[in-house]
Protein backbone atom coordinates (compact mmCIF):
# COMPACT_ATOMS: atom_id res chain seq x y z
CA UNK A 1 22.31 36.85 71.04
CA UNK A 2 23.03 37.49 67.36
CA UNK A 3 26.24 35.50 67.75
CA UNK A 4 24.30 32.68 69.40
CA UNK A 5 21.83 32.64 66.49
CA UNK A 6 24.70 32.55 64.00
CA UNK A 7 26.21 29.60 65.86
CA UNK A 8 22.85 27.80 65.88
CA UNK A 9 22.61 28.04 62.09
CA UNK A 10 25.72 25.88 61.83
CA UNK A 11 23.58 22.95 62.99
CA UNK A 12 20.87 23.34 60.34
CA UNK A 13 20.06 20.01 58.75
CA UNK A 14 21.87 17.84 61.31
CA UNK A 15 19.97 18.17 64.59
CA UNK A 16 16.48 16.82 63.76
CA UNK A 17 14.38 15.82 65.64
CA UNK A 18 16.02 18.29 68.01
CA UNK A 19 16.04 22.06 67.47
CA UNK A 20 19.06 24.04 66.32
CA UNK A 21 20.54 25.91 69.28
CA UNK A 22 23.48 28.24 69.84
CA UNK A 23 24.93 29.48 73.14
CA UNK A 24 27.43 32.14 74.18
CA UNK A 25 28.96 32.79 77.63
CA UNK A 26 29.86 36.41 78.38
CA UNK A 27 31.76 37.86 81.33
CA UNK A 28 32.80 41.48 81.71
CA UNK A 29 31.54 42.15 78.16
CA UNK A 30 33.91 39.52 76.78
CA UNK A 31 32.87 36.29 75.07
CA UNK A 32 34.51 33.44 76.98
CA UNK A 33 32.62 30.44 75.58
CA UNK A 34 30.68 29.45 72.45
CA UNK A 35 28.81 26.33 71.43
CA UNK A 36 26.08 24.96 69.20
CA UNK A 37 24.10 21.74 68.96
CA UNK A 38 25.76 19.80 66.14
CA UNK A 39 23.65 16.64 65.91
CA UNK A 40 20.81 14.78 67.61
CA UNK A 41 22.16 12.82 70.55
CA UNK A 42 25.27 15.00 70.76
CA UNK A 43 26.10 17.61 73.42
CA UNK A 44 23.73 20.54 73.67
CA UNK A 45 24.89 24.05 72.83
CA UNK A 46 25.11 25.07 76.49
CA UNK A 47 27.52 22.22 77.21
CA UNK A 48 29.99 23.33 74.55
CA UNK A 49 29.83 26.98 75.58
CA UNK A 50 30.23 26.26 79.30
CA UNK A 51 33.04 23.77 78.72
CA UNK A 52 34.93 26.38 76.71
CA UNK A 53 34.36 28.97 79.44
CA UNK A 54 35.58 26.61 82.16
CA UNK A 55 35.85 28.06 85.67
CA UNK A 56 35.27 31.56 84.30
CA UNK A 57 31.58 30.68 83.80
CA UNK A 58 30.95 31.35 87.50
CA UNK A 59 29.20 34.72 87.73
CA UNK A 60 28.88 35.01 83.94
CA UNK A 61 25.88 35.50 81.62
CA UNK A 62 24.73 32.76 79.27
CA UNK A 63 22.98 33.75 76.05
CA UNK A 64 21.08 30.86 74.46
CA UNK A 65 18.65 30.73 71.55
CA UNK A 66 16.21 28.32 73.24
CA UNK A 67 15.17 27.70 76.82
CA UNK A 68 17.63 25.29 78.50
CA UNK A 69 16.17 21.83 78.97
CA UNK A 70 15.30 20.57 82.45
CA UNK A 71 14.48 16.95 81.65
CA UNK A 72 16.56 13.83 81.18
CA UNK A 73 16.69 12.66 77.55
CA UNK A 74 19.65 11.33 75.64
CA UNK A 75 21.69 13.99 77.48
CA UNK A 76 21.49 15.35 81.06
CA UNK A 77 19.46 18.52 81.80
CA UNK A 78 21.24 21.71 80.76
CA UNK A 79 19.55 23.66 83.56
CA UNK A 80 21.40 21.55 86.12
CA UNK A 81 24.72 22.13 84.37
CA UNK A 82 24.12 25.89 84.29
CA UNK A 83 23.54 25.88 88.04
CA UNK A 84 26.57 23.68 88.69
CA UNK A 85 28.83 26.07 86.76
CA UNK A 86 27.64 29.09 88.75
CA UNK A 87 26.11 31.12 85.91
CA UNK A 88 24.27 34.07 87.46
CA UNK A 89 22.20 35.26 84.49
CA UNK A 90 20.60 33.52 81.52
CA UNK A 91 19.17 35.30 78.46
CA UNK A 92 16.91 33.12 76.26
CA UNK A 93 15.65 34.08 72.84
CA UNK A 94 12.50 32.00 73.34
CA UNK A 95 10.83 29.47 75.59
CA UNK A 96 10.65 25.88 74.38
CA UNK A 97 7.45 25.60 72.28
CA UNK A 98 6.88 22.00 73.38
CA UNK A 99 3.89 22.29 75.78
CA UNK A 100 5.17 19.27 77.72
CA UNK A 101 8.31 21.09 78.87
CA UNK A 102 7.79 24.79 78.07
CA UNK A 103 8.85 27.05 80.93
CA UNK A 104 10.21 24.30 83.15
CA UNK A 105 13.86 25.08 82.50
CA UNK A 106 13.24 28.78 83.10
CA UNK A 107 11.36 28.03 86.32
CA UNK A 108 14.13 25.69 87.53
CA UNK A 109 16.76 28.39 87.05
CA UNK A 110 14.69 31.14 88.67
CA UNK A 111 13.90 29.00 91.69
CA UNK A 112 17.65 28.57 92.16
CA UNK A 113 18.20 32.34 92.11
CA UNK A 114 19.39 32.77 88.52
CA UNK A 115 18.19 35.91 86.75
CA UNK A 116 16.41 34.84 83.54
CA UNK A 117 15.36 37.08 80.64
CA UNK A 118 13.22 35.64 77.83
CA UNK A 119 12.29 37.06 74.42
CA UNK A 120 15.47 38.67 73.10
CA UNK A 121 15.41 38.38 69.27
CA UNK A 122 12.54 35.92 69.65
CA UNK A 123 11.19 36.42 66.12
CA UNK A 124 14.57 35.50 64.62
CA UNK A 125 14.85 32.46 66.88
CA UNK A 126 11.39 31.25 65.90
CA UNK A 127 12.20 31.59 62.21
CA UNK A 128 15.41 29.65 62.73
CA UNK A 129 13.51 26.82 64.41
CA UNK A 130 10.34 26.99 62.31
CA UNK A 131 10.44 23.22 61.72
CA UNK A 132 10.71 22.43 65.43
CA UNK A 133 8.10 25.00 66.46
CA UNK A 134 5.53 23.71 63.94
CA UNK A 135 6.03 20.08 64.95
CA UNK A 136 5.95 20.71 68.69
CA UNK A 137 2.84 22.89 68.56
CA UNK A 138 0.76 20.95 66.00
CA UNK A 139 2.28 17.47 65.74
CA UNK A 140 2.72 18.03 62.00
CA UNK A 141 5.89 18.62 59.98
CA UNK A 142 6.70 22.00 58.47
CA UNK A 143 5.96 21.73 54.74
CA UNK A 144 7.91 23.56 52.04
CA UNK A 145 6.63 23.61 48.47
CA UNK A 146 9.67 23.87 46.19
CA UNK A 147 9.15 24.66 42.51
CA UNK A 148 11.55 25.37 39.64
CA UNK A 149 9.73 27.02 36.77
CA UNK A 150 10.11 29.18 33.70
CA UNK A 151 9.08 32.83 33.71
CA UNK A 152 5.69 31.78 32.32
CA UNK A 153 5.10 29.18 35.04
CA UNK A 154 6.09 25.97 33.26
CA UNK A 155 7.97 23.08 34.85
CA UNK A 156 8.32 21.11 31.60
CA UNK A 157 7.72 21.47 27.88
CA UNK A 158 4.73 19.92 26.12
CA UNK A 159 6.93 16.90 25.32
CA UNK A 160 7.81 16.47 29.01
CA UNK A 161 11.40 17.73 28.87
CA UNK A 162 12.42 19.57 32.04
CA UNK A 163 16.24 19.46 32.18
CA UNK A 164 17.23 22.03 33.01
CA UNK A 165 14.88 24.97 33.43
CA UNK A 166 16.91 26.70 36.13
CA UNK A 167 20.66 27.27 36.21
CA UNK A 168 23.42 25.48 38.08
CA UNK A 169 23.41 27.88 41.05
CA UNK A 170 19.67 27.39 41.61
CA UNK A 171 20.03 23.62 41.38
CA UNK A 172 22.83 23.75 43.94
CA UNK A 173 20.61 25.79 46.25
CA UNK A 174 17.85 23.21 45.84
CA UNK A 175 20.25 20.47 46.94
CA UNK A 176 21.16 22.57 49.98
CA UNK A 177 17.45 22.79 50.81
CA UNK A 178 17.19 19.00 50.51
CA UNK A 179 20.06 18.56 52.95
CA UNK A 180 18.19 20.55 55.60
CA UNK A 181 14.82 18.77 55.54
CA UNK A 182 13.86 15.39 56.92
CA UNK A 183 12.07 14.22 53.77
CA UNK A 184 11.37 15.12 50.16
CA UNK A 185 8.04 14.19 48.60
CA UNK A 186 6.99 13.70 44.99
CA UNK A 187 4.05 12.19 43.18
CA UNK A 188 4.31 8.99 41.19
CA UNK A 189 3.99 11.01 37.98
CA UNK A 190 7.37 12.60 38.69
CA UNK A 191 8.90 9.17 39.31
CA UNK A 192 7.54 7.82 36.02
CA UNK A 193 8.55 10.89 34.00
CA UNK A 194 11.97 11.69 35.47
CA UNK A 195 13.11 8.66 37.52
CA UNK A 196 14.75 11.01 40.07
CA UNK A 197 17.20 10.04 42.80
CA UNK A 198 16.03 12.76 45.23
CA UNK A 199 19.40 12.61 46.99
CA UNK A 200 21.75 15.43 48.01
CA UNK A 201 24.50 16.06 45.48
CA UNK A 202 27.16 18.72 45.12
CA UNK A 203 26.84 20.01 48.70
CA UNK A 204 27.67 18.56 52.10
CA UNK A 205 24.77 17.13 54.06
CA UNK A 206 22.63 14.11 54.70
CA UNK A 207 20.18 12.57 52.27
CA UNK A 208 16.56 13.07 53.34
CA UNK A 209 14.02 10.28 53.36
CA UNK A 210 12.24 10.00 50.00
CA UNK A 211 8.47 9.79 49.84
CA UNK A 212 6.45 8.85 46.76
CA UNK A 213 2.70 9.48 46.81
CA UNK A 214 1.32 6.64 44.71
CA UNK A 215 -2.36 5.76 45.10
CA UNK A 216 -2.27 2.77 42.70
CA UNK A 217 1.33 1.60 43.31
CA UNK A 218 2.56 2.40 39.82
CA UNK A 219 6.11 2.99 41.06
CA UNK A 220 8.41 0.50 39.27
CA UNK A 221 10.52 -1.72 41.50
CA UNK A 222 13.49 -0.48 39.44
CA UNK A 223 12.88 3.19 40.27
CA UNK A 224 16.03 4.99 41.40
CA UNK A 225 14.15 6.69 44.22
CA UNK A 226 14.06 3.29 45.95
CA UNK A 227 17.86 3.22 46.19
CA UNK A 228 19.95 3.28 49.39
CA UNK A 229 18.48 5.16 52.32
CA UNK A 230 14.94 5.43 53.58
CA UNK A 231 12.25 5.32 50.90
CA UNK A 232 8.53 5.46 51.66
CA UNK A 233 5.74 4.78 49.18
CA UNK A 234 2.47 6.22 50.46
CA UNK A 235 -0.54 4.47 48.97
CA UNK A 236 -4.20 3.78 49.63
CA UNK A 237 -5.64 1.02 51.78
CA UNK A 238 -6.93 -0.90 48.75
CA UNK A 239 -3.74 -0.85 46.67
CA UNK A 240 -2.52 -4.15 45.19
CA UNK A 241 -0.57 -6.24 47.73
CA UNK A 242 1.51 -7.96 45.06
CA UNK A 243 2.89 -4.62 43.90
CA UNK A 244 3.46 -3.58 47.50
CA UNK A 245 5.48 -6.75 48.12
CA UNK A 246 7.79 -6.00 45.18
CA UNK A 247 8.47 -2.52 46.53
CA UNK A 248 9.22 -3.88 49.99
CA UNK A 249 11.68 -6.33 48.45
CA UNK A 250 13.56 -3.27 47.16
CA UNK A 251 13.75 -1.99 50.72
CA UNK A 252 10.92 0.52 50.52
CA UNK A 253 8.36 1.05 53.26
CA UNK A 254 4.79 0.90 51.98
CA UNK A 255 2.36 2.96 54.03
CA UNK A 256 -1.34 2.30 53.52
CA UNK A 257 -3.34 5.42 54.27
CA UNK A 258 -6.93 6.63 53.95
CA UNK A 259 -7.93 8.08 50.60
CA UNK A 260 -9.54 11.38 49.68
CA UNK A 261 -11.26 11.62 46.29
CA UNK A 262 -9.55 8.39 45.24
CA UNK A 263 -6.05 9.61 46.12
CA UNK A 264 -3.82 9.33 49.16
CA UNK A 265 -5.10 11.67 51.86
CA UNK A 266 -2.14 14.02 52.31
CA UNK A 267 -3.44 15.16 55.69
CA UNK A 268 -3.27 11.57 56.92
CA UNK A 269 0.22 11.22 55.46
CA UNK A 270 1.50 14.35 57.20
CA UNK A 271 -0.06 13.24 60.47
CA UNK A 272 1.76 9.91 60.26
CA UNK A 273 5.03 11.63 59.38
CA UNK A 274 4.60 13.87 62.40
CA UNK A 275 3.97 10.86 64.64
CA UNK A 276 7.17 9.30 63.35
CA UNK A 277 9.22 12.37 64.24
CA UNK A 278 9.59 14.10 60.88
CA UNK A 279 9.95 17.83 61.52
CA UNK A 280 10.06 18.95 57.89
CA UNK A 281 8.98 17.81 54.43
CA UNK A 282 9.77 19.42 51.09
CA UNK A 283 7.23 18.83 48.33
CA UNK A 284 9.11 18.83 45.02
CA UNK A 285 6.37 17.92 42.56
CA UNK A 286 4.63 17.35 40.39
CA UNK A 287 1.79 19.69 39.63
CA UNK A 288 -0.97 17.43 41.01
CA UNK A 289 0.74 16.82 44.35
CA UNK A 290 1.56 20.52 44.67
CA UNK A 291 -2.10 21.40 44.12
CA UNK A 292 -3.29 18.74 46.56
CA UNK A 293 -0.94 19.97 49.29
CA UNK A 294 -2.04 23.57 48.78
CA UNK A 295 -5.75 22.72 48.73
CA UNK A 296 -5.34 20.72 51.94
CA UNK A 297 -3.79 23.72 53.68
CA UNK A 298 -0.61 21.79 54.42
CA UNK A 299 2.00 24.09 52.87
CA UNK A 300 3.73 26.50 55.25
CA UNK A 301 6.22 28.05 52.86
CA UNK A 302 6.72 28.28 49.10
CA UNK A 303 10.21 28.46 47.62
CA UNK A 304 9.93 29.05 43.89
CA UNK A 305 12.92 29.31 41.57
CA UNK A 306 11.99 31.36 38.50
CA UNK A 307 14.22 31.11 35.44
CA UNK A 308 14.60 33.82 32.76
CA UNK A 309 13.19 31.47 30.18
CA UNK A 310 9.84 31.35 28.36
CA UNK A 311 8.49 27.95 27.26
CA UNK A 312 4.93 28.62 26.15
CA UNK A 313 2.80 25.47 25.96
CA UNK A 314 3.86 22.95 28.56
CA UNK A 315 3.18 21.58 32.03
CA UNK A 316 2.13 24.15 34.61
CA UNK A 317 3.82 24.24 38.00
CA UNK A 318 0.62 23.73 39.99
CA UNK A 319 -2.48 21.74 39.10
CA UNK A 320 -6.11 22.78 39.40
CA UNK A 321 -6.90 24.55 42.67
CA UNK A 322 -10.57 24.99 41.68
CA UNK A 323 -10.23 28.75 41.91
CA UNK A 324 -12.96 30.52 39.94
CA UNK A 325 -12.35 34.08 41.10
CA UNK A 326 -9.06 35.87 41.67
CA UNK A 327 -10.17 36.74 45.20
CA UNK A 328 -10.36 33.01 45.98
CA UNK A 329 -6.68 32.41 45.18
CA UNK A 330 -4.26 31.50 47.95
CA UNK A 331 -2.44 34.44 49.47
CA UNK A 332 1.28 34.61 50.17
CA UNK A 333 2.83 36.84 52.83
CA UNK A 334 6.29 37.65 54.22
CA UNK A 335 7.66 37.68 50.69
CA UNK A 336 11.42 37.62 50.12
CA UNK A 337 13.13 37.62 46.72
CA UNK A 338 16.75 36.62 46.20
CA UNK A 339 18.84 36.35 43.07
CA UNK A 340 20.50 32.95 42.67
CA UNK A 341 22.73 32.99 39.63
CA UNK A 342 20.55 34.12 36.72
CA UNK A 343 17.39 32.88 38.45
CA UNK A 344 15.17 34.42 41.11
CA UNK A 345 14.21 32.63 44.32
CA UNK A 346 10.78 33.72 45.54
CA UNK A 347 10.14 32.77 49.17
CA UNK A 348 6.87 33.39 50.99
CA UNK A 349 4.63 32.08 53.72
CA UNK A 350 1.44 30.45 52.47
CA UNK A 351 -1.79 31.55 54.13
CA UNK A 352 -3.97 28.45 54.54
CA UNK A 353 -7.43 28.53 52.94
C-alpha cells in the first residue's frame, strides 16, 4: 500500500476534479503491475496496474488507495474490470468519501466473491486526497492560506516593498504549491500594489485559475493577473457595470456575489467555487483577505514561509481578527516544520472558530 500511495502522489496537481489514486497488483509476494491516475479523463490507476499485470492478474491481489469506482463516468467502472481480470482480493486504503457512491464499488466486488479489505493506511490516504475529501463531504474547496513573512511577521516594509522576503528555494516551493491547486486567490490590494501574474514559473505544472476579490472593481483592465488562462474577479452585486464590462473584455469572468460588511462574502465565493468543481484554493494575500478567510472559518491549512529577516515597521501578514484575549486566538494543530533553503516552512491545520 505504501508503494500505491507513492504512485498516487505522482498525479498531484493533474487529476482534479478527480482524486489522486495509485494501484499495485501483487501475486506470490511479487509486484506484477503498477499504475496511477495521471489526469482527469485519463485511465484510472487500476487500469494501468491491471494492464501491466496482464493475464497474471487472475488470482492476484490488488492494492489501491481509493475504493474502485462502480459507476460509468468518463471511463468505465473499475470494479467491472477487476472482476473481468479475475482478481481474487482487493485491499483499499479508504472508501470513496463521496456519499453518492461510497461503498458501492466495495459491495459490487464482495457480491461477486472478491475478498475486500478496507482501511489499510487510511490516514495517509486521506491526507493525500484532502482536497477531494473536503469537496466531496462538504461541497466546498479545501483552502490553504499561504504566507511569506519575515521573522517578525511582516510581508512588506512600511514603503510597500516586498521583493523578496523569502529565498529562492522557498519561492520555488510556493510555485510548486500553486501547480497543485485549482485556484489562487488574492485581494485587490495585492493586485494594485504588486501587479502579480499568479502563474506557475520555474517548476513543471499547470497554471491555476486566478481569483481577485474586489468589492468595488478597482482592478485595472491592464492588470497582469488578467492574462492568458482563467481569471475570475469576485465582486459585490452593486459593483459598477461599466468597470465589469472592461474586465470582461480582457477575458475575465466577473462574479457578482452577496456582500458581508460591505465586502465580498467569502463564504458565498467558496460555495460557488465548490459548485463549479474547484477542489482547492490557495489564498496568497493580502492581509485583509487572509483575515477575512480566517474569521469566516474557511481556512483548512496554513503554510507559512518564515524568513531569517527582521523588518520592524511594515505590513503585517494578517489583518485584524478582532481578538481581544490570547485565549480567543485561532488554534493550529498537526504542526509540521520544514527547512526550505534558509527559510522555515510552518504547516498546520487551522481549527475553525
